[in-house]
Amino acid sequence: QVQLVESGGGLVQPGGSLKLSCAASGFTFSAYAMNWYRQAPGKERERVAGITGFGDGTNYAVSVKGRFTISRDNSKNTAYLQMNNLTPQDTAMYYCNRPSRGGPAYDYWGQGTQVTVSS
């Protein structure tokens, strides 16, 4: 079965960096685009970044463009999110997402990893 396991979250000071990882299993990793989402308390889930199956195309939310970089290593079945110049507004639970060809209701999600930006 499809499994997505995020790691790499934690507490970081403003201006700091973190790199999140999403280890995937149970499907042909390179056949699917991957996304990172985040959700802060009291806010809707927000799509942060996406990457194509072979990593040749990426896109970002305006709020993170120029600071975050999504990447993937298909030999390791892992997607990454490098986050630089973090601000308190980046504090959220971050989720790895694998879209489903059946539509958003059938997407796969990891359990999330908490990122807290605070001094």
C-alpha atoms as a PDB file:
ATOM      1  CA  GLN A   1       0.000   0.000   0.000  1.00  0.00           C
ATOM      2  CA  VAL A   2       1.036   3.594  -0.513  1.00  0.00           C
ATOM      3  CA  GLN A   3       2.972   5.064   2.386  1.00  0.00           C
ATOM      4  CA  LEU A   4       4.410   8.541   2.786  1.00  0.00           C
ATOM      5  CA  VAL A   5       6.584   9.292   5.798  1.00  0.00           C
ATOM      6  CA  GLU A   6       7.769  12.824   6.463  1.00  0.00           C
ATOM      7  CA  SER A   7      10.725  13.766   8.616  1.00  0.00           C
ATOM      8  CA  GLY A   8      13.008  16.704   9.279  1.00  0.00           C
ATOM      9  CA  GLY A   9      10.709  19.121  11.042  1.00  0.00           C
ATOM     10  CA  GLY A  10      11.603  20.898  14.247  1.00  0.00           C
ATOM     11  CA  LEU A  11      12.126  24.193  15.989  1.00  0.00           C
ATOM     12  CA  VAL A  12      14.232  26.778  14.197  1.00  0.00           C
ATOM     13  CA  GLN A  13      14.950  30.448  14.720  1.00  0.00           C
ATOM     14  CA  PRO A  14      13.773  33.060  12.226  1.00  0.00           C
ATOM     15  CA  GLY A  15      16.159  33.202   9.302  1.00  0.00           C
ATOM     16  CA  GLY A  16      17.130  29.583   9.774  1.00  0.00           C
ATOM     17  CA  SER A  17      16.794  26.589   7.482  1.00  0.00           C
ATOM     18  CA  LEU A  18      15.307  23.125   7.558  1.00  0.00           C
ATOM     19  CA  LYS A  19      15.155  20.294   5.043  1.00  0.00           C
ATOM     20  CA  LEU A  20      12.125  18.058   5.076  1.00  0.00           C
ATOM     21  CA  SER A  21      12.104  14.571   3.606  1.00  0.00           C
ATOM     22  CA  CYS A  22       9.247  12.398   2.392  1.00  0.00           C
ATOM     23  CA  ALA A  23      10.043   8.719   2.053  1.00  0.00           C
ATOM     24  CA  ALA A  24       7.595   7.002  -0.272  1.00  0.00           C
ATOM     25  CA  SER A  25       6.753   3.348  -0.783  1.00  0.00           C
ATOM     26  CA  GLY A  26       4.094   1.151  -2.323  1.00  0.00           C
ATOM     27  CA  PHE A  27       4.040   2.719  -5.794  1.00  0.00           C
ATOM     28  CA  THR A  28       6.269   3.584  -8.731  1.00  0.00           C
ATOM     29  CA  PHE A  29       7.676   6.796  -7.348  1.00  0.00           C
ATOM     30  CA  SER A  30       8.891   8.332 -10.601  1.00  0.00           C
ATOM     31  CA  ALA A  31       5.448   7.937 -12.176  1.00  0.00           C
ATOM     32  CA  TYR A  32       3.874  10.555  -9.937  1.00  0.00           C
ATOM     33  CA  ALA A  33       4.247  14.223  -9.234  1.00  0.00           C
ATOM     34  CA  MET A  34       4.712  15.003  -5.561  1.00  0.00           C
ATOM     35  CA  ASN A  35       3.604  17.975  -3.510  1.00  0.00           C
ATOM     36  CA  TRP A  36       4.246  19.578  -0.169  1.00  0.00           C
ATOM     37  CA  TYR A  37       1.380  21.193   1.708  1.00  0.00           C
ATOM     38  CA  ARG A  38       1.222  22.935   5.038  1.00  0.00           C
ATOM     39  CA  GLN A  39      -1.469  23.791   7.530  1.00  0.00           C
ATOM     40  CA  ALA A  40      -1.178  26.285  10.341  1.00  0.00           C
ATOM     41  CA  PRO A  41      -3.604  26.292  13.300  1.00  0.00           C
ATOM     42  CA  GLY A  42      -6.894  27.859  12.311  1.00  0.00           C
ATOM     43  CA  LYS A  43      -5.935  28.096   8.644  1.00  0.00           C
ATOM     44  CA  GLU A  44      -6.729  26.078   5.561  1.00  0.00           C
ATOM     45  CA  ARG A  45      -4.247  23.640   4.136  1.00  0.00           C
ATOM     46  CA  GLU A  46      -2.005  25.396   1.616  1.00  0.00           C
ATOM     47  CA  ARG A  47      -0.092  23.854  -1.262  1.00  0.00           C
ATOM     48  CA  VAL A  48       3.504  24.979  -0.888  1.00  0.00           C
ATOM     49  CA  ALA A  49       5.360  23.317  -3.761  1.00  0.00           C
ATOM     50  CA  GLY A  50       5.074  20.630  -6.403  1.00  0.00           C
ATOM     51  CA  ILE A  51       7.462  18.658  -8.581  1.00  0.00           C
ATOM     52  CA  THR A  52       6.942  16.489 -11.631  1.00  0.00           C
ATOM     53  CA  GLY A  53       7.708  12.780 -11.666  1.00  0.00           C
ATOM     54  CA  PHE A  54      11.151  13.174 -13.192  1.00  0.00           C
ATOM     55  CA  GLY A  55      11.887  16.396 -11.386  1.00  0.00           C
ATOM     56  CA  ASP A  56      12.018  18.513 -14.523  1.00  0.00           C
ATOM     57  CA  GLY A  57       9.302  20.879 -13.436  1.00  0.00           C
ATOM     58  CA  THR A  58       8.561  22.622 -10.159  1.00  0.00           C
ATOM     59  CA  ASN A  59       6.139  25.222  -8.915  1.00  0.00           C
ATOM     60  CA  TYR A  60       5.732  27.156  -5.691  1.00  0.00           C
ATOM     61  CA  ALA A  61       3.280  29.185  -3.708  1.00  0.00           C
ATOM     62  CA  VAL A  62       3.995  32.888  -3.919  1.00  0.00           C
ATOM     63  CA  SER A  63       4.587  32.972  -0.182  1.00  0.00           C
ATOM     64  CA  VAL A  64       7.597  30.648  -0.402  1.00  0.00           C
ATOM     65  CA  LYS A  65       9.012  31.286  -3.857  1.00  0.00           C
ATOM     66  CA  GLY A  66      12.714  32.092  -3.696  1.00  0.00           C
ATOM     67  CA  ARG A  67      13.046  30.630  -0.199  1.00  0.00           C
ATOM     68  CA  PHE A  68      11.893  27.022  -0.579  1.00  0.00           C
ATOM     69  CA  THR A  69      13.173  24.415  -3.015  1.00  0.00           C
ATOM     70  CA  ILE A  70      11.423  21.155  -3.788  1.00  0.00           C
ATOM     71  CA  SER A  71      13.450  18.256  -5.156  1.00  0.00           C
ATOM     72  CA  ARG A  72      13.344  14.488  -5.427  1.00  0.00           C
ATOM     73  CA  ASP A  73      15.659  11.521  -5.678  1.00  0.00           C
ATOM     74  CA  ASN A  74      13.851   8.794  -7.576  1.00  0.00           C
ATOM     75  CA  SER A  75      16.612   6.286  -6.780  1.00  0.00           C
ATOM     76  CA  LYS A  76      15.735   6.720  -3.098  1.00  0.00           C
ATOM     77  CA  ASN A  77      11.961   7.166  -3.517  1.00  0.00           C
ATOM     78  CA  THR A  78      12.236  10.380  -1.564  1.00  0.00           C
ATOM     79  CA  ALA A  79      11.027  13.934  -2.035  1.00  0.00           C
ATOM     80  CA  TYR A  80      12.546  16.893  -0.245  1.00  0.00           C
ATOM     81  CA  LEU A  81      11.677  20.428   0.727  1.00  0.00           C
ATOM     82  CA  GLN A  82      14.592  22.714   1.476  1.00  0.00           C
ATOM     83  CA  MET A  83      13.354  25.722   3.434  1.00  0.00           C
ATOM     84  CA  ASN A  84      15.576  28.757   3.859  1.00  0.00           C
ATOM     85  CA  ASN A  85      15.111  32.141   5.486  1.00  0.00           C
ATOM     86  CA  LEU A  86      12.253  30.832   7.574  1.00  0.00           C
ATOM     87  CA  THR A  87       9.843  33.224   9.249  1.00  0.00           C
ATOM     88  CA  PRO A  88       7.280  32.700  12.024  1.00  0.00           C
ATOM     89  CA  GLN A  89       4.610  32.701   9.311  1.00  0.00           C
ATOM     90  CA  ASP A  90       6.094  29.436   8.029  1.00  0.00           C
ATOM     91  CA  THR A  91       5.125  27.703  11.272  1.00  0.00           C
ATOM     92  CA  ALA A  92       2.792  24.856  10.352  1.00  0.00           C
ATOM     93  CA  MET A  93       2.395  21.127  10.000  1.00  0.00           C
ATOM     94  CA  TYR A  94       3.953  20.132   6.701  1.00  0.00           C
ATOM     95  CA  TYR A  95       2.514  17.253   4.695  1.00  0.00           C
ATOM     96  CA  CYS A  96       3.756  15.230   1.772  1.00  0.00           C
ATOM     97  CA  ASN A  97       1.137  14.534  -0.882  1.00  0.00           C
ATOM     98  CA  ARG A  98       0.893  12.139  -3.786  1.00  0.00           C
ATOM     99  CA  PRO A  99      -1.901  13.039  -6.146  1.00  0.00           C
ATOM    100  CA  SER A 100      -4.302  10.322  -7.188  1.00  0.00           C
ATOM    101  CA  ARG A 101      -5.489   9.841 -10.741  1.00  0.00           C
ATOM    102  CA  GLY A 102      -8.938   9.361  -9.249  1.00  0.00           C
ATOM    103  CA  GLY A 103      -9.054  12.961  -8.059  1.00  0.00           C
ATOM    104  CA  PRO A 104      -8.175  14.929  -4.903  1.00  0.00           C
ATOM    105  CA  ALA A 105     -10.481  12.913  -2.677  1.00  0.00           C
ATOM    106  CA  TYR A 106      -8.236   9.916  -3.297  1.00  0.00           C
ATOM    107  CA  ASP A 107      -4.899  11.635  -2.796  1.00  0.00           C
ATOM    108  CA  TYR A 108      -2.397  10.079  -0.446  1.00  0.00           C
ATOM    109  CA  TRP A 109      -0.982  11.982   2.519  1.00  0.00           C
ATOM    110  CA  GLY A 110       1.741  11.496   5.053  1.00  0.00           C
ATOM    111  CA  GLN A 111       1.245  12.007   8.768  1.00  0.00           C
ATOM    112  CA  GLY A 112       2.962  15.389   8.705  1.00  0.00           C
ATOM    113  CA  THR A 113       5.989  16.918  10.341  1.00  0.00           C
ATOM    114  CA  GLN A 114       5.808  20.011  12.528  1.00  0.00           C
ATOM    115  CA  VAL A 115       7.864  23.079  11.667  1.00  0.00           C
ATOM    116  CA  THR A 116       8.014  25.820  14.274  1.00  0.00           C
ATOM    117  CA  VAL A 117       9.845  29.060  13.611  1.00  0.00           C
ATOM    118  CA  SER A 118      10.390  31.024  16.771  1.00  0.00           C
ATOM    119  CA  SER A 119      13.063  32.893  18.638  1.00  0.00           C
END
